[in-house]
N, C-alpha and C. Protein backbone atom coordinates (compact mmCIF):
# COMPACT_ATOMS: atom_id res chain seq x y z
N MET A 1 53.80 30.92 67.75
CA MET A 1 53.84 31.33 69.16
C MET A 1 55.93 31.65 69.74
N LYS A 2 56.26 30.52 69.06
CA LYS A 2 57.73 30.97 69.22
C LYS A 2 58.47 31.75 68.81
N SER A 3 57.97 31.97 67.30
CA SER A 3 58.55 33.43 66.77
C SER A 3 58.24 34.13 67.18
N SER A 4 57.25 34.67 67.58
CA SER A 4 56.65 35.68 68.32
C SER A 4 57.55 36.08 70.01
N LEU A 5 57.97 34.90 70.29
CA LEU A 5 58.82 35.18 71.77
C LEU A 5 60.04 35.21 71.43
N VAL A 6 60.72 34.73 70.18
CA VAL A 6 62.23 34.69 69.57
C VAL A 6 62.33 36.58 69.34
N MET A 7 61.42 37.22 68.54
CA MET A 7 61.23 38.04 68.17
C MET A 7 61.38 39.37 69.49
N PHE A 8 60.52 38.92 70.22
CA PHE A 8 60.70 39.93 71.22
C PHE A 8 61.53 39.86 72.17
N ALA A 9 62.40 38.97 72.49
CA ALA A 9 63.71 38.35 73.27
C ALA A 9 64.88 38.97 72.21
N ALA A 10 64.57 39.31 71.09
CA ALA A 10 65.86 39.90 70.12
C ALA A 10 65.76 41.27 70.42
N GLN A 11 64.45 41.93 70.32
CA GLN A 11 63.89 43.16 70.61
C GLN A 11 64.56 43.51 71.62
N GLU A 12 64.01 43.18 72.73
CA GLU A 12 64.66 43.67 74.09
C GLU A 12 66.03 43.26 74.16
N THR A 13 67.03 42.14 73.72
CA THR A 13 68.12 42.38 74.00
C THR A 13 68.67 43.73 72.90
N GLU A 14 68.34 43.76 71.91
CA GLU A 14 68.58 45.41 71.43
C GLU A 14 68.39 46.46 71.81
N HIS A 15 67.43 46.58 72.46
CA HIS A 15 66.83 47.97 73.42
C HIS A 15 67.97 47.95 74.14
N ALA A 16 68.47 46.62 75.25
CA ALA A 16 69.10 46.94 76.69
C ALA A 16 70.82 47.07 76.39
N ALA A 17 71.14 46.75 75.01
CA ALA A 17 72.30 47.04 75.02
C ALA A 17 73.29 48.63 75.13
N GLY A 18 72.35 49.33 74.57
CA GLY A 18 72.62 50.50 75.04
C GLY A 18 72.19 51.51 76.14
N GLY A 19 71.99 50.89 77.35
CA GLY A 19 71.66 50.80 78.78
C GLY A 19 72.72 52.00 79.48
N LEU A 20 73.78 51.23 79.40
CA LEU A 20 74.75 52.33 80.10
C LEU A 20 75.31 53.67 79.74
N THR A 21 74.73 54.56 80.30
CA THR A 21 75.21 56.03 79.98
C THR A 21 75.76 56.66 80.93
N ILE A 22 76.42 55.84 82.24
CA ILE A 22 76.45 56.70 83.23
C ILE A 22 78.17 55.93 83.20
N ASN A 23 79.10 57.14 83.60
CA ASN A 23 80.88 56.84 83.64
C ASN A 23 81.03 55.33 84.84
N PRO A 24 81.49 54.61 84.23
CA PRO A 24 81.87 53.58 85.35
C PRO A 24 82.87 53.93 86.57
N TYR A 25 83.47 55.32 86.62
CA TYR A 25 84.31 55.68 87.67
C TYR A 25 83.33 56.26 88.65
N LEU A 26 82.21 57.13 87.92
CA LEU A 26 81.08 57.76 88.73
C LEU A 26 80.77 56.70 89.50
N LEU A 27 80.21 55.65 88.92
CA LEU A 27 79.10 54.60 89.56
C LEU A 27 79.76 53.79 90.46
N GLY A 28 81.44 53.71 90.39
CA GLY A 28 81.94 53.32 91.51
C GLY A 28 81.79 54.19 92.46
N GLY A 29 82.18 55.47 92.38
CA GLY A 29 82.45 56.62 93.31
C GLY A 29 80.82 56.84 94.22
N LEU A 30 79.60 56.61 93.48
CA LEU A 30 78.47 56.31 94.22
C LEU A 30 78.60 55.31 94.91
N THR A 31 78.82 54.01 94.41
CA THR A 31 78.86 52.81 95.42
C THR A 31 79.54 53.05 96.55
N LEU A 32 80.49 53.20 96.29
CA LEU A 32 81.61 53.73 97.70
C LEU A 32 80.93 54.42 98.45
N CYS A 33 80.17 55.79 98.35
CA CYS A 33 79.70 56.50 98.95
C CYS A 33 78.40 56.21 99.63
N GLY A 34 77.70 55.03 98.86
CA GLY A 34 76.89 54.55 99.55
C GLY A 34 77.30 53.37 100.66
N PHE A 35 78.34 52.78 100.43
CA PHE A 35 78.89 51.36 101.52
C PHE A 35 79.11 52.19 102.49
N ILE A 36 79.80 54.10 102.28
CA ILE A 36 80.67 54.17 103.78
C ILE A 36 79.32 54.70 104.55
N PHE A 37 78.27 55.24 103.67
CA PHE A 37 77.06 55.78 104.47
C PHE A 37 76.48 54.83 105.51
N LEU A 38 76.31 53.51 104.91
CA LEU A 38 76.14 52.40 105.66
C LEU A 38 76.85 52.11 106.77
N LEU A 39 78.20 52.15 106.41
CA LEU A 39 79.04 51.94 107.69
C LEU A 39 78.71 53.32 108.73
N LEU A 40 78.63 54.18 108.50
CA LEU A 40 78.30 55.08 109.56
C LEU A 40 77.16 55.19 110.35
N VAL A 41 76.13 54.33 109.61
CA VAL A 41 74.86 53.93 110.49
C VAL A 41 75.02 53.02 111.29
N THR A 42 75.81 51.86 110.65
CA THR A 42 76.20 50.44 111.51
C THR A 42 76.96 51.20 112.73
N TYR A 43 77.86 52.13 112.63
CA TYR A 43 78.76 52.80 113.50
C TYR A 43 77.92 53.44 114.45
N ALA A 44 77.23 54.13 113.93
CA ALA A 44 76.29 54.63 115.00
C ALA A 44 75.46 54.10 115.94
N PHE A 45 75.38 52.78 115.72
CA PHE A 45 74.19 52.04 116.84
C PHE A 45 75.26 51.28 117.12
N ARG A 46 76.56 51.46 117.53
CA ARG A 46 77.21 50.17 117.88
C ARG A 46 76.95 49.57 119.26
N ASN A 47 76.43 50.29 120.06
CA ASN A 47 76.51 50.09 121.61
C ASN A 47 74.89 49.90 121.94
N VAL A 48 74.01 49.95 120.87
CA VAL A 48 72.37 49.84 121.29
C VAL A 48 72.26 48.23 122.51
N GLY A 49 72.81 47.32 121.93
CA GLY A 49 72.66 46.26 122.45
C GLY A 49 73.10 45.96 123.90
N THR A 50 74.43 46.90 124.21
CA THR A 50 74.83 47.03 125.58
C THR A 50 74.01 47.75 126.79
N ARG A 51 73.39 48.51 126.17
CA ARG A 51 72.34 49.64 127.22
C ARG A 51 71.27 48.74 128.01
N HIS A 52 71.10 49.79 128.96
CA HIS A 52 69.65 48.77 129.50
C HIS A 52 68.95 50.05 129.87
């Protein structure tokens, strides 16, 4: 049982090593765009609590 778990973990680690295929600068740019979008959504609802 233990050897099969060790083999499975080694296989998963080996498979996950080549998973990053996106440029880090592109990933950072997409993350920045996402946060700017969230900022704009938050800004759009800034006075909702003060209305009656």
